[in-house]
Structure formats: structure tokens, C-alpha cells
C-alpha atoms as a PDB file:
ATOM      1  CA  UNK A   1     -29.287 -67.194 -28.167  1.00  0.00           C
ATOM      2  CA  UNK A   2     -31.626 -64.877 -29.998  1.00  0.00           C
ATOM      3  CA  UNK A   3     -31.676 -65.016 -33.979  1.00  0.00           C
ATOM      4  CA  UNK A   4     -31.226 -61.725 -35.969  1.00  0.00           C
ATOM      5  CA  UNK A   5     -34.221 -60.174 -37.306  1.00  0.00           C
ATOM      6  CA  UNK A   6     -34.742 -58.083 -40.147  1.00  0.00           C
ATOM      7  CA  UNK A   7     -35.501 -54.469 -39.688  1.00  0.00           C
ATOM      8  CA  UNK A   8     -38.711 -53.108 -40.311  1.00  0.00           C
ATOM      9  CA  UNK A   9     -42.102 -51.334 -38.843  1.00  0.00           C
ATOM     10  CA  UNK A  10     -42.833 -53.021 -35.535  1.00  0.00           C
ATOM     11  CA  UNK A  11     -46.510 -53.513 -34.810  1.00  0.00           C
ATOM     12  CA  UNK A  12     -47.665 -52.835 -38.360  1.00  0.00           C
ATOM     13  CA  UNK A  13     -49.703 -55.869 -39.688  1.00  0.00           C
ATOM     14  CA  UNK A  14     -49.876 -56.796 -43.428  1.00  0.00           C
ATOM     15  CA  UNK A  15     -53.624 -55.865 -43.687  1.00  0.00           C
ATOM     16  CA  UNK A  16     -52.474 -52.241 -42.461  1.00  0.00           C
ATOM     17  CA  UNK A  17     -54.144 -50.260 -45.352  1.00  0.00           C
ATOM     18  CA  UNK A  18     -54.066 -46.488 -44.044  1.00  0.00           C
ATOM     19  CA  UNK A  19     -53.194 -43.670 -46.594  1.00  0.00           C
ATOM     20  CA  UNK A  20     -49.720 -42.230 -46.595  1.00  0.00           C
ATOM     21  CA  UNK A  21     -49.245 -39.400 -44.132  1.00  0.00           C
ATOM     22  CA  UNK A  22     -49.053 -36.025 -45.903  1.00  0.00           C
ATOM     23  CA  UNK A  23     -46.983 -33.461 -43.969  1.00  0.00           C
ATOM     24  CA  UNK A  24     -48.347 -30.838 -46.278  1.00  0.00           C
ATOM     25  CA  UNK A  25     -52.205 -31.439 -45.231  1.00  0.00           C
ATOM     26  CA  UNK A  26     -51.092 -31.982 -41.857  1.00  0.00           C
ATOM     27  CA  UNK A  27     -49.266 -28.913 -41.202  1.00  0.00           C
ATOM     28  CA  UNK A  28     -50.136 -26.386 -43.850  1.00  0.00           C
ATOM     29  CA  UNK A  29     -53.637 -25.077 -43.179  1.00  0.00           C
ATOM     30  CA  UNK A  30     -53.426 -21.905 -45.626  1.00  0.00           C
ATOM     31  CA  UNK A  31     -50.840 -22.765 -48.156  1.00  0.00           C
ATOM     32  CA  UNK A  32     -51.169 -19.094 -49.590  1.00  0.00           C
ATOM     33  CA  UNK A  33     -50.316 -17.527 -46.449  1.00  0.00           C
ATOM     34  CA  UNK A  34     -47.723 -19.976 -45.011  1.00  0.00           C
ATOM     35  CA  UNK A  35     -43.907 -19.298 -45.132  1.00  0.00           C
ATOM     36  CA  UNK A  36     -40.842 -21.237 -43.442  1.00  0.00           C
ATOM     37  CA  UNK A  37     -37.918 -19.970 -41.497  1.00  0.00           C
ATOM     38  CA  UNK A  38     -35.100 -21.509 -39.754  1.00  0.00           C
ATOM     39  CA  UNK A  39     -34.224 -20.609 -36.063  1.00  0.00           C
ATOM     40  CA  UNK A  40     -30.994 -19.041 -35.937  1.00  0.00           C
ATOM     41  CA  UNK A  41     -30.545 -19.370 -32.194  1.00  0.00           C
ATOM     42  CA  UNK A  42     -31.537 -21.137 -28.954  1.00  0.00           C
ATOM     43  CA  UNK A  43     -33.312 -18.181 -27.291  1.00  0.00           C
ATOM     44  CA  UNK A  44     -36.619 -19.713 -26.931  1.00  0.00           C
ATOM     45  CA  UNK A  45     -35.278 -22.874 -25.790  1.00  0.00           C
ATOM     46  CA  UNK A  46     -36.689 -25.776 -25.135  1.00  0.00           C
ATOM     47  CA  UNK A  47     -39.551 -25.192 -27.685  1.00  0.00           C
ATOM     48  CA  UNK A  48     -37.587 -23.631 -30.212  1.00  0.00           C
ATOM     49  CA  UNK A  49     -33.747 -24.812 -30.914  1.00  0.00           C
ATOM     50  CA  UNK A  50     -31.154 -23.289 -33.304  1.00  0.00           C
ATOM     51  CA  UNK A  51     -32.016 -24.724 -36.844  1.00  0.00           C
ATOM     52  CA  UNK A  52     -35.544 -25.749 -36.204  1.00  0.00           C
ATOM     53  CA  UNK A  53     -37.930 -25.390 -39.250  1.00  0.00           C
ATOM     54  CA  UNK A  54     -40.634 -22.581 -38.485  1.00  0.00           C
ATOM     55  CA  UNK A  55     -43.708 -23.019 -39.951  1.00  0.00           C
ATOM     56  CA  UNK A  56     -45.719 -19.546 -40.059  1.00  0.00           C
ATOM     57  CA  UNK A  57     -49.262 -18.823 -40.933  1.00  0.00           C
ATOM     58  CA  UNK A  58     -49.688 -15.224 -41.962  1.00  0.00           C
ATOM     59  CA  UNK A  59     -53.080 -15.573 -41.691  1.00  0.00           C
ATOM     60  CA  UNK A  60     -53.678 -16.740 -38.068  1.00  0.00           C
ATOM     61  CA  UNK A  61     -53.816 -13.969 -35.308  1.00  0.00           C
ATOM     62  CA  UNK A  62     -51.794 -14.923 -32.269  1.00  0.00           C
ATOM     63  CA  UNK A  63     -52.930 -15.833 -29.136  1.00  0.00           C
ATOM     64  CA  UNK A  64     -51.726 -15.461 -25.490  1.00  0.00           C
ATOM     65  CA  UNK A  65     -48.677 -17.857 -25.371  1.00  0.00           C
ATOM     66  CA  UNK A  66     -48.337 -18.381 -29.043  1.00  0.00           C
ATOM     67  CA  UNK A  67     -44.809 -18.088 -30.793  1.00  0.00           C
ATOM     68  CA  UNK A  68     -44.516 -15.373 -33.502  1.00  0.00           C
ATOM     69  CA  UNK A  69     -42.308 -14.024 -36.023  1.00  0.00           C
ATOM     70  CA  UNK A  70     -42.254 -10.081 -35.866  1.00  0.00           C
ATOM     71  CA  UNK A  71     -40.104  -7.377 -37.060  1.00  0.00           C
ATOM     72  CA  UNK A  72     -38.743  -4.510 -34.951  1.00  0.00           C
ATOM     73  CA  UNK A  73     -36.230  -1.991 -35.830  1.00  0.00           C
ATOM     74  CA  UNK A  74     -35.646  -3.868 -39.329  1.00  0.00           C
ATOM     75  CA  UNK A  75     -34.787  -7.010 -37.486  1.00  0.00           C
ATOM     76  CA  UNK A  76     -36.512 -10.294 -37.766  1.00  0.00           C
ATOM     77  CA  UNK A  77     -37.267 -12.054 -34.253  1.00  0.00           C
ATOM     78  CA  UNK A  78     -39.248 -14.784 -32.971  1.00  0.00           C
ATOM     79  CA  UNK A  79     -41.106 -13.910 -29.668  1.00  0.00           C
ATOM     80  CA  UNK A  80     -44.006 -15.417 -27.297  1.00  0.00           C
ATOM     81  CA  UNK A  81     -47.055 -13.482 -27.796  1.00  0.00           C
ATOM     82  CA  UNK A  82     -47.650 -10.993 -26.441  1.00  0.00           C
ATOM     83  CA  UNK A  83     -44.586  -9.345 -26.842  1.00  0.00           C
ATOM     84  CA  UNK A  84     -43.688  -6.331 -25.213  1.00  0.00           C
ATOM     85  CA  UNK A  85     -41.667  -4.454 -27.838  1.00  0.00           C
ATOM     86  CA  UNK A  86     -43.055  -1.288 -28.847  1.00  0.00           C
ATOM     87  CA  UNK A  87     -43.410  -0.807 -32.509  1.00  0.00           C
ATOM     88  CA  UNK A  88     -43.233  -4.499 -33.613  1.00  0.00           C
ATOM     89  CA  UNK A  89     -45.082  -5.510 -36.630  1.00  0.00           C
ATOM     90  CA  UNK A  90     -46.212  -9.091 -36.410  1.00  0.00           C
ATOM     91  CA  UNK A  91     -45.397 -11.238 -39.454  1.00  0.00           C
ATOM     92  CA  UNK A  92     -47.143 -14.382 -38.735  1.00  0.00           C
ATOM     93  CA  UNK A  93     -47.822 -16.891 -36.198  1.00  0.00           C
ATOM     94  CA  UNK A  94     -45.723 -20.216 -35.886  1.00  0.00           C
ATOM     95  CA  UNK A  95     -48.137 -23.379 -36.092  1.00  0.00           C
ATOM     96  CA  UNK A  96     -45.539 -25.834 -36.045  1.00  0.00           C
ATOM     97  CA  UNK A  97     -41.781 -26.736 -35.680  1.00  0.00           C
ATOM     98  CA  UNK A  98     -39.614 -29.450 -37.499  1.00  0.00           C
ATOM     99  CA  UNK A  99     -36.647 -30.495 -35.929  1.00  0.00           C
ATOM    100  CA  UNK A 100     -33.973 -32.664 -37.749  1.00  0.00           C
ATOM    101  CA  UNK A 101     -31.966 -35.307 -36.198  1.00  0.00           C
END
């Protein structure tokens, strides 16, 4: 019969001395031009799901295949770049998504 174990971090030794992980430093490269949005639907499934948090950098120009936030006819949309909508104004490029469990 197995003895119960205390929950903890598996594989982390006591001499582990790495600094704490900062999501700000990891995910936000340009704080002055970074915005957060929440996905309102699953239209870009499986990459982006409803309620995912989208981290958007306005200073980063989109490359082919990137996801972008854009405005078209007064509506805010999330699309894959390049977008075929005429007269769409790119707000910024999605650089990361966060999903709560």
C-alpha cells in the first residue's frame, strides 16, 4: 500500500535558485503600446477561444499568419493576417494569448 504524499512541485530540488518567472517581462515587449482584450467568441478556434485574453502590441507590424485586432465598419474584429476585408484598419498584432482554466 502506498503512503500519502504531500503535494508539491515535482522534480524541483531544494537548491533550485532560478528567479521567479515574470509574465510582464515574458509577454510584454513594448509596455507603452500593449493592450489586452478578451475574445468574445470561438470564431478562430482552435487557436483562440471565447474568453481567452489577447495580448496586443500596436508597435508590431503583422506578418503573414499572425492574428490581428482590426476595425471594420466600426466593429472590432480578430482576424488572421492578411485580411481580405477592404478598408479595415489594423489596431495591433496579437503577440500572445492567455487561457484561464
